[in-house]
């Protein structure tokens, strides 16, 4: 964000001063050449405004369509923690527009929770923030708390299945690839592209069918999504990524 140098990730968290707000934060990543550091709050400040505005005002019912539009905005970087609240918020926005079972308050809650997930957790915690974003949205939809029963089970199961497919598709990390995979899973799991069948409405979790839903996403590959960010990603997997243009001619 400052000098275009590649990021360097340290094995042990170290106190660093944010180049913008001057606040000292313990972190694992800074720029390799001049050790610039941007804290998560400053990193996502402008992006959060874009995410909030789009999610509160869109009429779209496909969460991936909302995210693809947001990710083309210049305030959203190639990689970064902005993607974590975005995933949660676009899911809630899509459910809101399709079912009216949730509203603006739930979108704001999705952004609030997602903004607490730090950058780099895909490598440092072993849990991609895009997958966690699906878990946050599921928790909000299911009204899950640490004391819930079935809802606790469903929320954890959804998150684990999404994280599993993200991991299958390999590293290094790509926020665009992981967001797309996570939201394709979410749309399938929540029925956001299917009409209500047998009294089951979109936005509800069908835990018994989770493996089948994720298997469908895996089997469809890119499902017609063609990445337009690969030139900006120095660690792009190229033809090993299902969304790369060479695989979607």
Protein backbone atom coordinates (compact mmCIF):
# COMPACT_ATOMS: atom_id res chain seq x y z
CA UNK A 1 0.00 0.00 0.00
CA UNK A 2 2.95 2.37 0.52
CA UNK A 3 6.00 1.44 -1.57
CA UNK A 4 4.81 -1.60 -3.59
CA UNK A 5 7.47 -3.77 -1.95
CA UNK A 6 6.57 -7.39 -1.27
CA UNK A 7 5.34 -8.28 2.20
CA UNK A 8 7.58 -10.19 4.58
CA UNK A 9 5.97 -12.39 7.23
CA UNK A 10 7.92 -12.97 10.44
CA UNK A 11 7.63 -16.25 12.37
CA UNK A 12 7.13 -14.35 15.65
CA UNK A 13 4.89 -11.32 16.18
CA UNK A 14 6.85 -8.09 16.67
CA UNK A 15 5.86 -4.55 17.79
CA UNK A 16 5.46 -2.34 14.70
CA UNK A 17 4.37 1.27 14.23
CA UNK A 18 1.62 1.93 11.70
CA UNK A 19 2.81 4.28 8.97
CA UNK A 20 -0.58 6.04 8.89
CA UNK A 21 -1.97 6.33 12.44
CA UNK A 22 1.40 5.88 14.22
CA UNK A 23 -0.18 3.42 16.64
CA UNK A 24 2.11 0.60 17.81
CA UNK A 25 0.67 -2.85 17.11
CA UNK A 26 2.08 -6.34 17.48
CA UNK A 27 2.06 -8.01 14.06
CA UNK A 28 3.83 -10.54 11.85
CA UNK A 29 3.97 -8.70 8.53
CA UNK A 30 5.64 -5.60 7.08
CA UNK A 31 7.17 -4.56 3.77
CA UNK A 32 10.42 -6.35 3.05
CA UNK A 33 12.49 -3.37 1.89
CA UNK A 34 11.72 -0.48 4.24
CA UNK A 35 9.65 -2.20 6.94
CA UNK A 36 6.55 -0.10 6.34
CA UNK A 37 3.62 -1.39 8.34
CA UNK A 38 -0.10 -0.60 8.02
CA UNK A 39 -2.37 -1.72 10.87
CA UNK A 40 -5.58 -3.58 10.06
CA UNK A 41 -7.78 -0.61 11.04
CA UNK A 42 -6.03 1.71 8.57
CA UNK A 43 -5.71 -1.01 5.93
CA UNK A 44 -9.44 -1.53 5.68
CA UNK A 45 -10.81 1.92 6.56
CA UNK A 46 -11.84 3.06 3.06
CA UNK A 47 -12.77 -0.44 1.96
CA UNK A 48 -15.21 -0.86 4.83
CA UNK A 49 -17.09 2.24 3.68
CA UNK A 50 -17.48 0.76 0.19
CA UNK A 51 -18.57 -2.62 1.59
CA UNK A 52 -21.13 -1.02 3.88
CA UNK A 53 -22.63 1.23 1.20
CA UNK A 54 -22.92 -1.53 -1.37
CA UNK A 55 -24.36 -4.11 1.02
CA UNK A 56 -26.93 -1.72 2.49
CA UNK A 57 -28.19 -0.54 -0.90
CA UNK A 58 -27.81 -3.46 -3.32
CA UNK A 59 -30.87 -5.37 -4.55
CA UNK A 60 -28.75 -8.33 -5.73
CA UNK A 61 -29.56 -11.80 -4.36
CA UNK A 62 -26.29 -13.50 -5.36
CA UNK A 63 -23.58 -12.87 -2.73
CA UNK A 64 -20.76 -13.52 -5.20
CA UNK A 65 -22.14 -10.94 -7.65
CA UNK A 66 -22.12 -8.36 -4.86
CA UNK A 67 -18.55 -9.27 -3.87
CA UNK A 68 -17.23 -9.22 -7.44
CA UNK A 69 -18.55 -5.68 -7.83
CA UNK A 70 -17.00 -4.56 -4.52
CA UNK A 71 -13.63 -6.16 -5.32
CA UNK A 72 -13.36 -4.10 -8.50
CA UNK A 73 -13.45 -0.88 -6.46
CA UNK A 74 -10.00 0.76 -6.22
CA UNK A 75 -10.20 1.00 -2.42
CA UNK A 76 -10.19 -2.81 -2.14
CA UNK A 77 -6.58 -4.08 -2.43
CA UNK A 78 -5.53 -7.35 -4.01
CA UNK A 79 -5.13 -8.89 -0.57
CA UNK A 80 -6.12 -7.70 2.88
CA UNK A 81 -8.47 -7.98 5.87
CA UNK A 82 -11.19 -6.02 4.06
CA UNK A 83 -12.19 -9.31 2.46
CA UNK A 84 -13.19 -10.84 5.81
CA UNK A 85 -16.10 -8.52 6.70
CA UNK A 86 -17.02 -8.34 3.02
CA UNK A 87 -17.76 -12.07 2.80
CA UNK A 88 -19.98 -12.00 5.87
CA UNK A 89 -21.78 -8.82 4.79
CA UNK A 90 -22.53 -9.82 1.19
CA UNK A 91 -24.07 -13.10 2.37
CA UNK A 92 -26.36 -11.28 4.79
CA UNK A 93 -27.24 -8.69 2.12
CA UNK A 94 -28.15 -11.43 -0.36
CA UNK A 95 -30.32 -13.23 2.21
CA UNK A 96 -31.97 -9.92 3.12
CA UNK A 97 -32.87 -9.25 -0.52
CA UNK A 98 -34.14 -12.76 -1.18
CA UNK A 99 -36.03 -13.49 2.05
CA UNK A 100 -36.39 -10.24 4.04
CA UNK A 101 -35.67 -12.37 7.13
CA UNK A 102 -32.74 -10.12 8.09
CA UNK A 103 -32.08 -6.41 7.69
CA UNK A 104 -29.56 -3.61 7.86
CA UNK A 105 -28.77 -4.31 11.52
CA UNK A 106 -27.55 -7.79 10.63
CA UNK A 107 -25.41 -6.41 7.80
CA UNK A 108 -23.79 -4.00 10.26
CA UNK A 109 -23.22 -6.85 12.71
CA UNK A 110 -21.59 -8.93 9.96
CA UNK A 111 -19.21 -6.05 9.19
CA UNK A 112 -18.47 -5.54 12.88
CA UNK A 113 -17.61 -9.20 13.50
CA UNK A 114 -15.70 -9.65 10.25
CA UNK A 115 -13.59 -6.58 10.96
CA UNK A 116 -12.25 -8.33 14.06
CA UNK A 117 -10.56 -11.03 11.94
CA UNK A 118 -6.93 -9.89 11.38
CA UNK A 119 -5.07 -9.95 8.09
CA UNK A 120 -2.83 -12.95 7.39
CA UNK A 121 -4.82 -15.42 9.49
CA UNK A 122 -4.95 -17.87 6.57
CA UNK A 123 -1.30 -18.63 7.22
CA UNK A 124 -0.83 -17.58 10.83
CA UNK A 125 -3.97 -19.18 12.26
CA UNK A 126 -4.59 -21.85 9.63
CA UNK A 127 -8.10 -20.47 9.02
CA UNK A 128 -8.79 -18.29 5.98
CA UNK A 129 -10.75 -15.13 6.84
CA UNK A 130 -13.06 -15.70 3.85
CA UNK A 131 -14.08 -19.06 5.30
CA UNK A 132 -14.47 -17.48 8.72
CA UNK A 133 -16.66 -14.83 7.05
CA UNK A 134 -19.05 -17.57 5.94
CA UNK A 135 -19.07 -18.81 9.52
CA UNK A 136 -19.88 -15.32 10.80
CA UNK A 137 -22.80 -14.98 8.39
CA UNK A 138 -24.05 -18.45 9.31
CA UNK A 139 -23.86 -17.57 12.99
CA UNK A 140 -25.94 -14.45 12.42
CA UNK A 141 -28.53 -16.29 10.34
CA UNK A 142 -28.75 -19.16 12.83
CA UNK A 143 -28.60 -16.81 15.85
CA UNK A 144 -25.79 -18.97 17.16
CA UNK A 145 -24.15 -18.32 20.52
CA UNK A 146 -21.53 -20.34 22.44
CA UNK A 147 -24.46 -21.91 24.34
CA UNK A 148 -26.44 -22.99 21.26
CA UNK A 149 -27.03 -26.64 20.44
CA UNK A 150 -28.03 -27.50 16.87
CA UNK A 151 -27.12 -24.01 15.68
CA UNK A 152 -23.61 -24.32 17.15
CA UNK A 153 -23.22 -27.63 15.32
CA UNK A 154 -24.47 -26.26 12.01
CA UNK A 155 -22.33 -23.11 12.15
CA UNK A 156 -19.13 -25.02 12.89
CA UNK A 157 -19.88 -27.60 10.22
CA UNK A 158 -20.53 -25.00 7.52
CA UNK A 159 -17.30 -23.16 8.35
CA UNK A 160 -15.23 -26.35 8.33
CA UNK A 161 -16.57 -27.49 4.95
CA UNK A 162 -15.86 -24.12 3.33
CA UNK A 163 -12.36 -23.94 4.83
CA UNK A 164 -11.68 -27.46 3.57
CA UNK A 165 -12.40 -26.56 -0.07
CA UNK A 166 -10.39 -23.33 0.21
CA UNK A 167 -7.44 -25.37 1.51
CA UNK A 168 -7.83 -27.97 -1.25
CA UNK A 169 -7.31 -25.29 -3.87
CA UNK A 170 -3.82 -24.58 -2.56
CA UNK A 171 -1.51 -21.76 -1.57
CA UNK A 172 0.00 -19.24 -1.49
CA UNK A 173 -3.03 -17.24 -0.44
CA UNK A 174 -5.17 -15.31 -2.85
CA UNK A 175 -7.95 -13.29 -1.26
CA UNK A 176 -9.89 -13.13 -4.55
CA UNK A 177 -9.74 -16.91 -5.09
CA UNK A 178 -10.67 -17.66 -1.49
CA UNK A 179 -13.55 -15.16 -1.44
CA UNK A 180 -14.94 -16.62 -4.67
CA UNK A 181 -14.68 -20.19 -3.40
CA UNK A 182 -16.22 -19.27 -0.04
CA UNK A 183 -19.16 -17.45 -1.61
CA UNK A 184 -19.86 -20.16 -4.16
CA UNK A 185 -20.07 -22.57 -1.22
CA UNK A 186 -22.27 -20.19 0.77
CA UNK A 187 -24.71 -19.68 -2.11
CA UNK A 188 -25.01 -23.44 -2.56
CA UNK A 189 -25.35 -24.22 1.16
CA UNK A 190 -27.89 -21.47 1.82
CA UNK A 191 -29.88 -22.08 -1.34
CA UNK A 192 -29.44 -18.52 -2.55
CA UNK A 193 -29.60 -19.57 -6.20
CA UNK A 194 -32.45 -22.05 -5.74
CA UNK A 195 -36.17 -21.43 -5.21
CA UNK A 196 -37.81 -22.69 -2.03
CA UNK A 197 -38.40 -26.46 -2.29
CA UNK A 198 -40.54 -28.55 0.02
CA UNK A 199 -41.06 -25.72 2.47
CA UNK A 200 -37.33 -25.09 2.94
CA UNK A 201 -36.53 -21.44 2.32
CA UNK A 202 -33.26 -19.92 1.09
CA UNK A 203 -31.06 -18.73 3.93
CA UNK A 204 -31.52 -21.84 6.03
CA UNK A 205 -28.83 -24.42 6.77
CA UNK A 206 -29.34 -28.00 5.63
CA UNK A 207 -26.58 -29.71 7.62
CA UNK A 208 -27.27 -33.24 6.36
CA UNK A 209 -26.56 -32.17 2.77
CA UNK A 210 -23.43 -30.07 3.39
CA UNK A 211 -20.98 -32.52 1.85
CA UNK A 212 -23.14 -32.79 -1.27
CA UNK A 213 -23.40 -28.99 -1.57
CA UNK A 214 -19.65 -28.46 -1.28
CA UNK A 215 -19.05 -31.39 -3.63
CA UNK A 216 -21.16 -29.66 -6.27
CA UNK A 217 -19.08 -26.51 -5.96
CA UNK A 218 -15.89 -28.57 -6.22
CA UNK A 219 -17.20 -30.42 -9.27
CA UNK A 220 -18.23 -27.27 -11.13
CA UNK A 221 -14.74 -25.77 -10.89
CA UNK A 222 -14.90 -22.06 -11.70
CA UNK A 223 -18.64 -22.25 -12.46
CA UNK A 224 -18.11 -19.62 -15.13
CA UNK A 225 -16.17 -17.14 -12.95
CA UNK A 226 -13.15 -15.73 -14.80
CA UNK A 227 -10.61 -13.90 -12.65
CA UNK A 228 -9.70 -10.36 -13.69
CA UNK A 229 -7.24 -9.77 -10.83
CA UNK A 230 -4.49 -12.29 -11.69
CA UNK A 231 -2.16 -9.68 -13.19
CA UNK A 232 -2.13 -7.87 -9.82
CA UNK A 233 -1.25 -10.97 -7.82
CA UNK A 234 2.48 -11.69 -7.65
CA UNK A 235 1.75 -15.12 -6.16
CA UNK A 236 -0.94 -16.11 -8.66
CA UNK A 237 -1.19 -19.87 -9.17
CA UNK A 238 -1.70 -19.36 -12.89
CA UNK A 239 -3.29 -22.32 -14.63
CA UNK A 240 -3.43 -24.18 -11.29
CA UNK A 241 -6.22 -21.80 -10.22
CA UNK A 242 -9.70 -22.81 -11.39
CA UNK A 243 -10.62 -19.14 -11.96
CA UNK A 244 -7.56 -18.22 -14.06
CA UNK A 245 -8.41 -16.93 -17.57
CA UNK A 246 -6.49 -19.77 -19.25
CA UNK A 247 -8.97 -22.20 -17.69
CA UNK A 248 -11.99 -20.14 -18.65
CA UNK A 249 -11.56 -19.22 -22.29
